[in-house]
Amino acid sequence: MKKLRLALLIGGISNEREISLKSGGEVQKALNPERYQVSVYDLREGLAPLVADAPGIDVALIILHGRFGEDGTVQGLLELLGIPYQGSGVLGSAIAINKHLTKAIYRLEGLPVGRDRIACQGDHLDLNSLAEELGWPIVVKPNREGSSIGVQMAKNCKELSAIINQTFSIDREILLEEYIEGREITAGVLGNQSLQALPIVEIIPAEHHEFFNYEAKYRENASREICPAELPEPITRLAQEYALRAHKVLGLRGYSRTDMIVRGEEIILLETNTIPGMTRTSLFPQAARAAGLTFGALLDRLIELALEK
């Protein structure tokens, strides 16, 4: 069998570069050398090598996170070069990385979300009015970052003012949200036309973490995951239904992972990831493994989906 010539895109220039490099290294080790001839491209080093090699590339695996990787920019380049790639296209990627726009589309679809306000750099913000509208504590997020980069929680106006200023150094748009206390879960979707909802993963941060922030995600022993999540069956089915609906309404392809909070008998959606973390122990591969797909088999499936017309 002729090997597929595969371009593995890693690194890049976003704030999630180190996460991408870690994911990319594990993906490279897991790709079957009998099936794939792999060339690795760190996009921080420039685009010229990828452009030059494009005529000889059969498919690309984008293992990039955040802006200039997960936001439609690299997807647009690959479209121009005629290289198939896994995951969502330009439009779906650009929408999903924008948390405020994603939540607006969730609302149009009738999916449950928490209260929020968008703010742009230079806006005058009445912090007391924000507190009345959203309640304490208030969660502050860069509008277009992943991996919980820059996400902080303010418990009073003094903290909120300082956190807002810090967050504007990361993104010119920030999202201010009500804090929703509950169980953090994530629900994966796999497929193109025919979609499969994967088993739910519950994320339990260590006691010294108030929520699943960047440190809780990537520091050793800072959180633990349960897959399949130990939830009542109706909640599991509802979370999977919401993940499928979010995937469809955002116009996504290939795979996605939607983060949610379970509060009592209701579920509130937070955001949808179009290129989930791809180390063996990342949340999406854990869910795929619970569905019967090894890490290598998951990568094979993503490549198959990339090559589907």
C-alpha atoms as a PDB file:
ATOM      1  CA  MET A   1       0.000   0.000   0.000  1.00  0.00           C
ATOM      2  CA  LYS A   2       1.322   3.390  -0.986  1.00  0.00           C
ATOM      3  CA  LYS A   3       2.044   5.624   1.973  1.00  0.00           C
ATOM      4  CA  LEU A   4       0.095   8.843   2.384  1.00  0.00           C
ATOM      5  CA  ARG A   5       2.350  11.898   2.349  1.00  0.00           C
ATOM      6  CA  LEU A   6       1.247  13.694   5.494  1.00  0.00           C
ATOM      7  CA  ALA A   7       2.130  17.215   6.620  1.00  0.00           C
ATOM      8  CA  LEU A   8       2.083  17.562  10.409  1.00  0.00           C
ATOM      9  CA  LEU A   9       1.629  21.244  11.291  1.00  0.00           C
ATOM     10  CA  ILE A  10       2.779  22.155  14.801  1.00  0.00           C
ATOM     11  CA  GLY A  11       4.138  24.989  16.923  1.00  0.00           C
ATOM     12  CA  GLY A  12       3.045  28.243  15.369  1.00  0.00           C
ATOM     13  CA  ILE A  13       3.051  31.640  17.031  1.00  0.00           C
ATOM     14  CA  SER A  14       0.042  31.613  19.357  1.00  0.00           C
ATOM     15  CA  ASN A  15       0.136  31.661  23.147  1.00  0.00           C
ATOM     16  CA  GLU A  16      -0.508  27.922  22.979  1.00  0.00           C
ATOM     17  CA  ARG A  17       2.703  27.119  21.111  1.00  0.00           C
ATOM     18  CA  GLU A  18       4.151  24.861  23.812  1.00  0.00           C
ATOM     19  CA  ILE A  19       0.918  22.877  24.058  1.00  0.00           C
ATOM     20  CA  SER A  20       0.943  22.434  20.279  1.00  0.00           C
ATOM     21  CA  LEU A  21       4.521  21.183  20.314  1.00  0.00           C
ATOM     22  CA  LYS A  22       3.691  18.649  23.024  1.00  0.00           C
ATOM     23  CA  SER A  23       0.587  17.439  21.178  1.00  0.00           C
ATOM     24  CA  GLY A  24       2.464  17.340  17.884  1.00  0.00           C
ATOM     25  CA  GLY A  25       5.257  15.224  19.342  1.00  0.00           C
ATOM     26  CA  GLU A  26       2.814  12.634  20.649  1.00  0.00           C
ATOM     27  CA  VAL A  27       0.854  12.603  17.388  1.00  0.00           C
ATOM     28  CA  GLN A  28       4.031  12.043  15.388  1.00  0.00           C
ATOM     29  CA  LYS A  29       4.971   9.057  17.557  1.00  0.00           C
ATOM     30  CA  ALA A  30       1.493   7.563  17.214  1.00  0.00           C
ATOM     31  CA  LEU A  31       1.194   7.822  13.418  1.00  0.00           C
ATOM     32  CA  ASN A  32       1.693   4.437  11.776  1.00  0.00           C
ATOM     33  CA  PRO A  33       4.967   4.583   9.753  1.00  0.00           C
ATOM     34  CA  GLU A  34       3.650   1.862   7.452  1.00  0.00           C
ATOM     35  CA  ARG A  35       0.757   4.102   6.418  1.00  0.00           C
ATOM     36  CA  TYR A  36       2.201   7.607   6.507  1.00  0.00           C
ATOM     37  CA  GLN A  37       5.278   9.411   5.275  1.00  0.00           C
ATOM     38  CA  VAL A  38       5.328  12.297   7.738  1.00  0.00           C
ATOM     39  CA  SER A  39       6.897  15.708   7.236  1.00  0.00           C
ATOM     40  CA  VAL A  40       6.792  18.104  10.189  1.00  0.00           C
ATOM     41  CA  TYR A  41       6.311  21.850   9.714  1.00  0.00           C
ATOM     42  CA  ASP A  42       6.693  24.283  12.599  1.00  0.00           C
ATOM     43  CA  LEU A  43       4.873  27.301  11.224  1.00  0.00           C
ATOM     44  CA  ARG A  44       6.823  29.701  13.428  1.00  0.00           C
ATOM     45  CA  GLU A  45       9.769  28.991  11.131  1.00  0.00           C
ATOM     46  CA  GLY A  46       7.836  30.311   8.131  1.00  0.00           C
ATOM     47  CA  LEU A  47       5.331  29.144   5.525  1.00  0.00           C
ATOM     48  CA  ALA A  48       7.693  28.805   2.567  1.00  0.00           C
ATOM     49  CA  PRO A  49       8.629  25.114   3.131  1.00  0.00           C
ATOM     50  CA  LEU A  50       4.968  24.076   3.333  1.00  0.00           C
ATOM     51  CA  VAL A  51       4.056  26.092   0.238  1.00  0.00           C
ATOM     52  CA  ALA A  52       6.991  24.654  -1.691  1.00  0.00           C
ATOM     53  CA  ASP A  53       6.138  21.070  -0.716  1.00  0.00           C
ATOM     54  CA  ALA A  54       2.377  21.429  -1.262  1.00  0.00           C
ATOM     55  CA  PRO A  55       2.213  19.602  -4.631  1.00  0.00           C
ATOM     56  CA  GLY A  56       3.634  16.474  -2.970  1.00  0.00           C
ATOM     57  CA  ILE A  57       1.374  16.492   0.122  1.00  0.00           C
ATOM     58  CA  ASP A  58      -1.711  14.253   0.288  1.00  0.00           C
ATOM     59  CA  VAL A  59      -3.174  15.443   3.589  1.00  0.00           C
ATOM     60  CA  ALA A  60      -2.383  17.704   6.543  1.00  0.00           C
ATOM     61  CA  LEU A  61      -2.892  17.233  10.268  1.00  0.00           C
ATOM     62  CA  ILE A  62      -3.240  20.621  11.965  1.00  0.00           C
ATOM     63  CA  ILE A  63      -2.028  20.233  15.537  1.00  0.00           C
ATOM     64  CA  LEU A  64      -2.097  23.957  16.267  1.00  0.00           C
ATOM     65  CA  HIS A  65      -4.089  25.731  18.959  1.00  0.00           C
ATOM     66  CA  GLY A  66      -5.305  29.294  19.374  1.00  0.00           C
ATOM     67  CA  ARG A  67      -4.948  32.141  16.911  1.00  0.00           C
ATOM     68  CA  PHE A  68      -3.098  31.567  13.646  1.00  0.00           C
ATOM     69  CA  GLY A  69      -3.866  27.866  13.816  1.00  0.00           C
ATOM     70  CA  GLU A  70      -7.349  27.209  15.121  1.00  0.00           C
ATOM     71  CA  ASP A  71      -9.002  30.387  13.823  1.00  0.00           C
ATOM     72  CA  GLY A  72      -9.330  29.673  10.100  1.00  0.00           C
ATOM     73  CA  THR A  73      -6.086  31.301   8.959  1.00  0.00           C
ATOM     74  CA  VAL A  74      -4.097  28.098   8.406  1.00  0.00           C
ATOM     75  CA  GLN A  75      -7.234  26.406   7.086  1.00  0.00           C
ATOM     76  CA  GLY A  76      -7.494  29.146   4.440  1.00  0.00           C
ATOM     77  CA  LEU A  77      -3.857  28.637   3.461  1.00  0.00           C
ATOM     78  CA  LEU A  78      -4.381  24.900   3.031  1.00  0.00           C
ATOM     79  CA  GLU A  79      -7.501  25.549   0.941  1.00  0.00           C
ATOM     80  CA  LEU A  80      -5.449  27.778  -1.366  1.00  0.00           C
ATOM     81  CA  LEU A  81      -2.740  25.123  -1.590  1.00  0.00           C
ATOM     82  CA  GLY A  82      -5.281  22.371  -2.320  1.00  0.00           C
ATOM     83  CA  ILE A  83      -4.255  20.268   0.694  1.00  0.00           C
ATOM     84  CA  PRO A  84      -7.027  18.363   2.534  1.00  0.00           C
ATOM     85  CA  TYR A  85      -6.904  18.717   6.321  1.00  0.00           C
ATOM     86  CA  GLN A  86      -8.691  17.359   9.371  1.00  0.00           C
ATOM     87  CA  GLY A  87     -11.326  19.325  11.186  1.00  0.00           C
ATOM     88  CA  SER A  88     -13.390  22.392  10.469  1.00  0.00           C
ATOM     89  CA  GLY A  89     -13.034  24.800   7.576  1.00  0.00           C
ATOM     90  CA  VAL A  90     -12.331  28.516   7.484  1.00  0.00           C
ATOM     91  CA  LEU A  91     -15.775  29.746   8.558  1.00  0.00           C
ATOM     92  CA  GLY A  92     -16.456  27.239  11.336  1.00  0.00           C
ATOM     93  CA  SER A  93     -12.964  27.702  12.759  1.00  0.00           C
ATOM     94  CA  ALA A  94     -13.215  31.501  12.715  1.00  0.00           C
ATOM     95  CA  ILE A  95     -16.624  31.440  14.431  1.00  0.00           C
ATOM     96  CA  ALA A  96     -15.775  28.905  17.135  1.00  0.00           C
ATOM     97  CA  ILE A  97     -12.621  30.663  18.330  1.00  0.00           C
ATOM     98  CA  ASN A  98     -14.695  33.778  19.001  1.00  0.00           C
ATOM     99  CA  LYS A  99     -16.359  32.991  22.323  1.00  0.00           C
ATOM    100  CA  HIS A 100     -18.875  35.841  22.158  1.00  0.00           C
ATOM    101  CA  LEU A 101     -19.997  34.997  18.626  1.00  0.00           C
ATOM    102  CA  THR A 102     -20.202  31.304  19.528  1.00  0.00           C
ATOM    103  CA  LYS A 103     -22.497  32.064  22.464  1.00  0.00           C
ATOM    104  CA  ALA A 104     -24.667  34.301  20.282  1.00  0.00           C
ATOM    105  CA  ILE A 105     -25.126  31.402  17.857  1.00  0.00           C
ATOM    106  CA  TYR A 106     -25.842  29.002  20.730  1.00  0.00           C
ATOM    107  CA  ARG A 107     -28.628  31.359  21.814  1.00  0.00           C
ATOM    108  CA  LEU A 108     -30.111  31.459  18.297  1.00  0.00           C
ATOM    109  CA  GLU A 109     -30.116  27.646  18.339  1.00  0.00           C
ATOM    110  CA  GLY A 110     -31.878  27.622  21.713  1.00  0.00           C
ATOM    111  CA  LEU A 111     -28.885  26.169  23.552  1.00  0.00           C
ATOM    112  CA  PRO A 112     -28.523  27.273  27.201  1.00  0.00           C
ATOM    113  CA  VAL A 113     -25.721  29.710  28.048  1.00  0.00           C
ATOM    114  CA  GLY A 114     -24.865  31.965  30.967  1.00  0.00           C
ATOM    115  CA  ARG A 115     -25.104  35.753  31.114  1.00  0.00           C
ATOM    116  CA  ASP A 116     -22.193  37.653  29.597  1.00  0.00           C
ATOM    117  CA  ARG A 117     -20.949  40.982  28.297  1.00  0.00           C
ATOM    118  CA  ILE A 118     -18.379  41.667  25.577  1.00  0.00           C
ATOM    119  CA  ALA A 119     -15.992  44.599  26.033  1.00  0.00           C
ATOM    120  CA  CYS A 120     -13.487  46.136  23.626  1.00  0.00           C
ATOM    121  CA  GLN A 121     -10.287  47.926  24.553  1.00  0.00           C
ATOM    122  CA  GLY A 122     -11.111  51.579  25.176  1.00  0.00           C
ATOM    123  CA  ASP A 123     -14.708  50.941  26.265  1.00  0.00           C
ATOM    124  CA  HIS A 124     -15.899  52.695  29.402  1.00  0.00           C
ATOM    125  CA  LEU A 125     -17.038  49.963  31.795  1.00  0.00           C
ATOM    126  CA  ASP A 126     -19.275  50.661  34.769  1.00  0.00           C
ATOM    127  CA  LEU A 127     -18.050  47.936  37.099  1.00  0.00           C
ATOM    128  CA  ASN A 128     -20.912  48.331  39.566  1.00  0.00           C
ATOM    129  CA  SER A 129     -23.440  47.870  36.758  1.00  0.00           C
ATOM    130  CA  LEU A 130     -21.540  44.812  35.559  1.00  0.00           C
ATOM    131  CA  ALA A 131     -21.669  43.347  39.044  1.00  0.00           C
ATOM    132  CA  GLU A 132     -25.426  43.957  39.252  1.00  0.00           C
ATOM    133  CA  GLU A 133     -25.922  42.327  35.849  1.00  0.00           C
ATOM    134  CA  LEU A 134     -23.622  39.308  36.245  1.00  0.00           C
ATOM    135  CA  GLY A 135     -23.268  38.887  40.008  1.00  0.00           C
ATOM    136  CA  TRP A 136     -20.075  38.009  41.887  1.00  0.00           C
ATOM    137  CA  PRO A 137     -17.746  36.410  41.092  1.00  0.00           C
ATOM    138  CA  ILE A 138     -17.246  37.492  37.468  1.00  0.00           C
ATOM    139  CA  VAL A 139     -15.204  35.378  35.062  1.00  0.00           C
ATOM    140  CA  VAL A 140     -12.999  37.364  32.652  1.00  0.00           C
ATOM    141  CA  LYS A 141     -11.728  35.744  29.452  1.00  0.00           C
ATOM    142  CA  PRO A 142      -9.851  36.834  26.350  1.00  0.00           C
ATOM    143  CA  ASN A 143     -12.459  36.499  23.600  1.00  0.00           C
ATOM    144  CA  ARG A 144     -10.214  34.597  21.186  1.00  0.00           C
ATOM    145  CA  GLU A 145      -7.882  32.333  23.130  1.00  0.00           C
ATOM    146  CA  GLY A 146      -7.956  28.663  24.041  1.00  0.00           C
ATOM    147  CA  SER A 147      -6.623  26.443  26.839  1.00  0.00           C
ATOM    148  CA  SER A 148      -8.105  28.852  29.405  1.00  0.00           C
ATOM    149  CA  ILE A 149      -5.206  31.240  28.748  1.00  0.00           C
ATOM    150  CA  GLY A 150      -5.822  34.484  30.616  1.00  0.00           C
ATOM    151  CA  VAL A 151      -9.027  33.279  32.268  1.00  0.00           C
ATOM    152  CA  GLN A 152      -9.417  34.759  35.755  1.00  0.00           C
ATOM    153  CA  MET A 153     -12.164  35.264  38.293  1.00  0.00           C
ATOM    154  CA  ALA A 154     -12.864  38.536  40.115  1.00  0.00           C
ATOM    155  CA  LYS A 155     -14.708  38.728  43.428  1.00  0.00           C
ATOM    156  CA  ASN A 156     -14.942  42.507  43.808  1.00  0.00           C
ATOM    157  CA  CYS A 157     -14.552  45.725  41.797  1.00  0.00           C
ATOM    158  CA  LYS A 158     -10.887  46.206  42.684  1.00  0.00           C
ATOM    159  CA  GLU A 159      -9.982  42.714  41.449  1.00  0.00           C
ATOM    160  CA  LEU A 160     -12.194  43.119  38.395  1.00  0.00           C
ATOM    161  CA  SER A 161     -10.500  46.359  37.329  1.00  0.00           C
ATOM    162  CA  ALA A 162      -7.026  44.837  37.620  1.00  0.00           C
ATOM    163  CA  ILE A 163      -8.014  41.627  35.807  1.00  0.00           C
ATOM    164  CA  ILE A 164      -9.692  43.526  32.967  1.00  0.00           C
ATOM    165  CA  ASN A 165      -6.506  45.528  32.384  1.00  0.00           C
ATOM    166  CA  GLN A 166      -4.412  42.346  32.425  1.00  0.00           C
ATOM    167  CA  THR A 167      -6.738  40.580  29.996  1.00  0.00           C
ATOM    168  CA  PHE A 168      -6.676  43.448  27.513  1.00  0.00           C
ATOM    169  CA  SER A 169      -2.936  42.818  27.205  1.00  0.00           C
ATOM    170  CA  ILE A 170      -3.845  39.421  25.710  1.00  0.00           C
ATOM    171  CA  ASP A 171      -6.813  40.323  23.501  1.00  0.00           C
ATOM    172  CA  ARG A 172      -8.432  43.599  22.460  1.00  0.00           C
ATOM    173  CA  GLU A 173     -11.826  41.978  23.119  1.00  0.00           C
ATOM    174  CA  ILE A 174     -12.698  40.369  26.436  1.00  0.00           C
ATOM    175  CA  LEU A 175     -15.702  38.402  27.631  1.00  0.00           C
ATOM    176  CA  LEU A 176     -17.152  38.958  31.098  1.00  0.00           C
ATOM    177  CA  GLU A 177     -19.361  36.113  32.282  1.00  0.00           C
ATOM    178  CA  GLU A 178     -21.392  35.123  35.295  1.00  0.00           C
ATOM    179  CA  TYR A 179     -19.737  32.355  37.288  1.00  0.00           C
ATOM    180  CA  ILE A 180     -21.709  29.124  37.026  1.00  0.00           C
ATOM    181  CA  GLU A 181     -21.021  26.715  39.848  1.00  0.00           C
ATOM    182  CA  GLY A 182     -21.393  23.049  38.984  1.00  0.00           C
ATOM    183  CA  ARG A 183     -19.683  20.002  37.515  1.00  0.00           C
ATOM    184  CA  GLU A 184     -17.412  20.665  34.538  1.00  0.00           C
ATOM    185  CA  ILE A 185     -17.868  18.263  31.649  1.00  0.00           C
ATOM    186  CA  THR A 186     -16.859  18.073  28.018  1.00  0.00           C
ATOM    187  CA  ALA A 187     -18.547  16.277  25.134  1.00  0.00           C
ATOM    188  CA  GLY A 188     -16.795  15.218  21.940  1.00  0.00           C
ATOM    189  CA  VAL A 189     -18.245  14.773  18.456  1.00  0.00           C
ATOM    190  CA  LEU A 190     -16.600  12.785  15.661  1.00  0.00           C
ATOM    191  CA  GLY A 191     -17.570  12.578  11.992  1.00  0.00           C
ATOM    192  CA  ASN A 192     -18.532  14.511   8.872  1.00  0.00           C
ATOM    193  CA  GLN A 193     -22.020  13.786   7.548  1.00  0.00           C
ATOM    194  CA  SER A 194     -22.622  10.972  10.042  1.00  0.00           C
ATOM    195  CA  LEU A 195     -21.853  12.253  13.548  1.00  0.00           C
ATOM    196  CA  GLN A 196     -20.941  10.224  16.628  1.00  0.00           C
ATOM    197  CA  ALA A 197     -21.322  11.663  20.124  1.00  0.00           C
ATOM    198  CA  LEU A 198     -18.477  10.359  22.287  1.00  0.00           C
ATOM    199  CA  PRO A 199     -18.675   9.433  25.995  1.00  0.00           C
ATOM    200  CA  ILE A 200     -18.733  12.413  28.365  1.00  0.00           C
ATOM    201  CA  VAL A 201     -15.635  13.393  30.346  1.00  0.00           C
ATOM    202  CA  GLU A 202     -15.958  15.057  33.755  1.00  0.00           C
ATOM    203  CA  ILE A 203     -13.103  17.311  34.869  1.00  0.00           C
ATOM    204  CA  ILE A 204     -12.476  17.711  38.585  1.00  0.00           C
ATOM    205  CA  PRO A 205      -9.871  20.384  39.442  1.00  0.00           C
ATOM    206  CA  ALA A 206      -7.830  19.940  42.603  1.00  0.00           C
ATOM    207  CA  GLU A 207      -9.224  21.666  45.682  1.00  0.00           C
ATOM    208  CA  HIS A 208      -6.878  24.658  45.413  1.00  0.00           C
ATOM    209  CA  HIS A 209      -8.223  25.483  41.921  1.00  0.00           C
ATOM    210  CA  GLU A 210     -11.535  27.326  41.872  1.00  0.00           C
ATOM    211  CA  PHE A 211     -12.173  26.272  38.269  1.00  0.00           C
ATOM    212  CA  PHE A 212     -10.509  24.463  35.346  1.00  0.00           C
ATOM    213  CA  ASN A 213      -7.979  27.173  34.453  1.00  0.00           C
ATOM    214  CA  TYR A 214      -4.722  26.918  32.499  1.00  0.00           C
ATOM    215  CA  GLU A 215      -2.734  25.629  35.486  1.00  0.00           C
ATOM    216  CA  ALA A 216      -5.395  23.056  36.336  1.00  0.00           C
ATOM    217  CA  LYS A 217      -5.306  21.814  32.736  1.00  0.00           C
ATOM    218  CA  TYR A 218      -1.576  21.415  32.295  1.00  0.00           C
ATOM    219  CA  ARG A 219       0.095  21.104  35.689  1.00  0.00           C
ATOM    220  CA  GLU A 220       0.639  17.530  36.792  1.00  0.00           C
ATOM    221  CA  ASN A 221      -1.945  16.274  39.324  1.00  0.00           C
ATOM    222  CA  ALA A 222      -3.813  19.615  39.206  1.00  0.00           C
ATOM    223  CA  SER A 223      -6.997  17.924  38.049  1.00  0.00           C
ATOM    224  CA  ARG A 224      -8.427  14.499  37.347  1.00  0.00           C
ATOM    225  CA  GLU A 225     -10.804  13.280  34.663  1.00  0.00           C
ATOM    226  CA  ILE A 226     -13.528  10.653  34.795  1.00  0.00           C
ATOM    227  CA  CYS A 227     -14.565   9.030  31.524  1.00  0.00           C
ATOM    228  CA  PRO A 228     -17.280   8.031  31.059  1.00  0.00           C
ATOM    229  CA  ALA A 229     -18.547  10.664  33.489  1.00  0.00           C
ATOM    230  CA  GLU A 230     -20.660   9.320  36.335  1.00  0.00           C
ATOM    231  CA  LEU A 231     -23.798  11.251  35.451  1.00  0.00           C
ATOM    232  CA  PRO A 232     -27.476  10.297  35.378  1.00  0.00           C
ATOM    233  CA  GLU A 233     -28.340   8.837  31.980  1.00  0.00           C
ATOM    234  CA  PRO A 234     -30.711  11.699  31.041  1.00  0.00           C
ATOM    235  CA  ILE A 235     -27.940  14.257  31.718  1.00  0.00           C
ATOM    236  CA  THR A 236     -25.454  12.243  29.635  1.00  0.00           C
ATOM    237  CA  ARG A 237     -27.885  12.052  26.716  1.00  0.00           C
ATOM    238  CA  LEU A 238     -28.695  15.753  26.957  1.00  0.00           C
ATOM    239  CA  ALA A 239     -25.005  16.744  27.018  1.00  0.00           C
ATOM    240  CA  GLN A 240     -24.354  14.613  23.931  1.00  0.00           C
ATOM    241  CA  GLU A 241     -27.367  16.130  22.191  1.00  0.00           C
ATOM    242  CA  TYR A 242     -26.136  19.642  22.990  1.00  0.00           C
ATOM    243  CA  ALA A 243     -22.653  18.800  21.673  1.00  0.00           C
ATOM    244  CA  LEU A 244     -24.122  17.523  18.403  1.00  0.00           C
ATOM    245  CA  ARG A 245     -26.324  20.602  18.035  1.00  0.00           C
ATOM    246  CA  ALA A 246     -23.430  22.951  18.783  1.00  0.00           C
ATOM    247  CA  HIS A 247     -21.234  21.158  16.230  1.00  0.00           C
ATOM    248  CA  LYS A 248     -23.913  21.466  13.554  1.00  0.00           C
ATOM    249  CA  VAL A 249     -25.024  25.048  14.189  1.00  0.00           C
ATOM    250  CA  LEU A 250     -21.413  26.311  14.205  1.00  0.00           C
ATOM    251  CA  GLY A 251     -20.846  24.641  10.836  1.00  0.00           C
ATOM    252  CA  LEU A 252     -18.063  22.351  12.055  1.00  0.00           C
ATOM    253  CA  ARG A 253     -16.539  19.293  10.434  1.00  0.00           C
ATOM    254  CA  GLY A 254     -14.525  16.250  11.453  1.00  0.00           C
ATOM    255  CA  TYR A 255     -14.501  16.625  15.207  1.00  0.00           C
ATOM    256  CA  SER A 256     -15.144  19.069  18.030  1.00  0.00           C
ATOM    257  CA  ARG A 257     -15.351  19.208  21.809  1.00  0.00           C
ATOM    258  CA  THR A 258     -17.906  21.314  23.652  1.00  0.00           C
ATOM    259  CA  ASP A 259     -17.312  22.342  27.267  1.00  0.00           C
ATOM    260  CA  MET A 260     -20.281  22.600  29.624  1.00  0.00           C
ATOM    261  CA  ILE A 261     -21.306  22.987  33.262  1.00  0.00           C
ATOM    262  CA  VAL A 262     -23.847  20.678  34.889  1.00  0.00           C
ATOM    263  CA  ARG A 263     -25.848  22.579  37.495  1.00  0.00           C
ATOM    264  CA  GLY A 264     -28.461  20.374  39.092  1.00  0.00           C
ATOM    265  CA  GLU A 265     -30.574  19.022  36.262  1.00  0.00           C
ATOM    266  CA  GLU A 266     -29.578  21.698  33.743  1.00  0.00           C
ATOM    267  CA  ILE A 267     -26.553  22.024  31.473  1.00  0.00           C
ATOM    268  CA  ILE A 268     -24.983  25.343  30.433  1.00  0.00           C
ATOM    269  CA  LEU A 269     -22.673  25.533  27.419  1.00  0.00           C
ATOM    270  CA  LEU A 270     -19.370  27.411  27.655  1.00  0.00           C
ATOM    271  CA  GLU A 271     -17.560  27.035  24.317  1.00  0.00           C
ATOM    272  CA  THR A 272     -16.670  24.644  21.500  1.00  0.00           C
ATOM    273  CA  ASN A 273     -13.121  23.647  20.522  1.00  0.00           C
ATOM    274  CA  THR A 274     -12.393  22.834  16.875  1.00  0.00           C
ATOM    275  CA  ILE A 275      -8.880  21.414  17.438  1.00  0.00           C
ATOM    276  CA  PRO A 276      -8.975  19.770  20.869  1.00  0.00           C
ATOM    277  CA  GLY A 277      -5.760  18.866  22.664  1.00  0.00           C
ATOM    278  CA  MET A 278      -4.206  15.768  21.119  1.00  0.00           C
ATOM    279  CA  THR A 279      -1.866  14.167  23.593  1.00  0.00           C
ATOM    280  CA  ARG A 280      -2.784  10.603  24.578  1.00  0.00           C
ATOM    281  CA  THR A 281      -4.193  11.851  27.883  1.00  0.00           C
ATOM    282  CA  SER A 282      -6.051  14.877  26.485  1.00  0.00           C
ATOM    283  CA  LEU A 283      -9.798  15.002  26.931  1.00  0.00           C
ATOM    284  CA  PHE A 284     -10.870  14.169  23.370  1.00  0.00           C
ATOM    285  CA  PRO A 285      -8.559  11.130  23.032  1.00  0.00           C
ATOM    286  CA  GLN A 286      -9.794   9.917  26.437  1.00  0.00           C
ATOM    287  CA  ALA A 287     -13.381  10.057  25.188  1.00  0.00           C
ATOM    288  CA  ALA A 288     -12.418   8.339  21.932  1.00  0.00           C
ATOM    289  CA  ARG A 289     -10.660   5.586  23.878  1.00  0.00           C
ATOM    290  CA  ALA A 290     -13.806   5.043  25.944  1.00  0.00           C
ATOM    291  CA  ALA A 291     -15.648   4.662  22.622  1.00  0.00           C
ATOM    292  CA  GLY A 292     -13.185   1.970  21.492  1.00  0.00           C
ATOM    293  CA  LEU A 293     -10.648   4.022  19.500  1.00  0.00           C
ATOM    294  CA  THR A 294      -6.975   3.869  20.455  1.00  0.00           C
ATOM    295  CA  PHE A 295      -4.949   7.048  19.961  1.00  0.00           C
ATOM    296  CA  GLY A 296      -3.492   5.742  16.712  1.00  0.00           C
ATOM    297  CA  ALA A 297      -6.912   4.633  15.465  1.00  0.00           C
ATOM    298  CA  LEU A 298      -8.326   8.070  16.297  1.00  0.00           C
ATOM    299  CA  LEU A 299      -5.635   9.735  14.190  1.00  0.00           C
ATOM    300  CA  ASP A 300      -6.373   7.309  11.327  1.00  0.00           C
ATOM    301  CA  ARG A 301     -10.060   8.218  11.570  1.00  0.00           C
ATOM    302  CA  LEU A 302      -9.361  11.966  11.508  1.00  0.00           C
ATOM    303  CA  ILE A 303      -7.213  11.517   8.410  1.00  0.00           C
ATOM    304  CA  GLU A 304      -9.950   9.463   6.737  1.00  0.00           C
ATOM    305  CA  LEU A 305     -12.440  12.224   7.510  1.00  0.00           C
ATOM    306  CA  ALA A 306     -10.038  14.823   6.090  1.00  0.00           C
ATOM    307  CA  LEU A 307      -9.885  12.934   2.793  1.00  0.00           C
ATOM    308  CA  GLU A 308     -13.659  12.556   2.452  1.00  0.00           C
ATOM    309  CA  LYS A 309     -15.141  14.737  -0.265  1.00  0.00           C
END
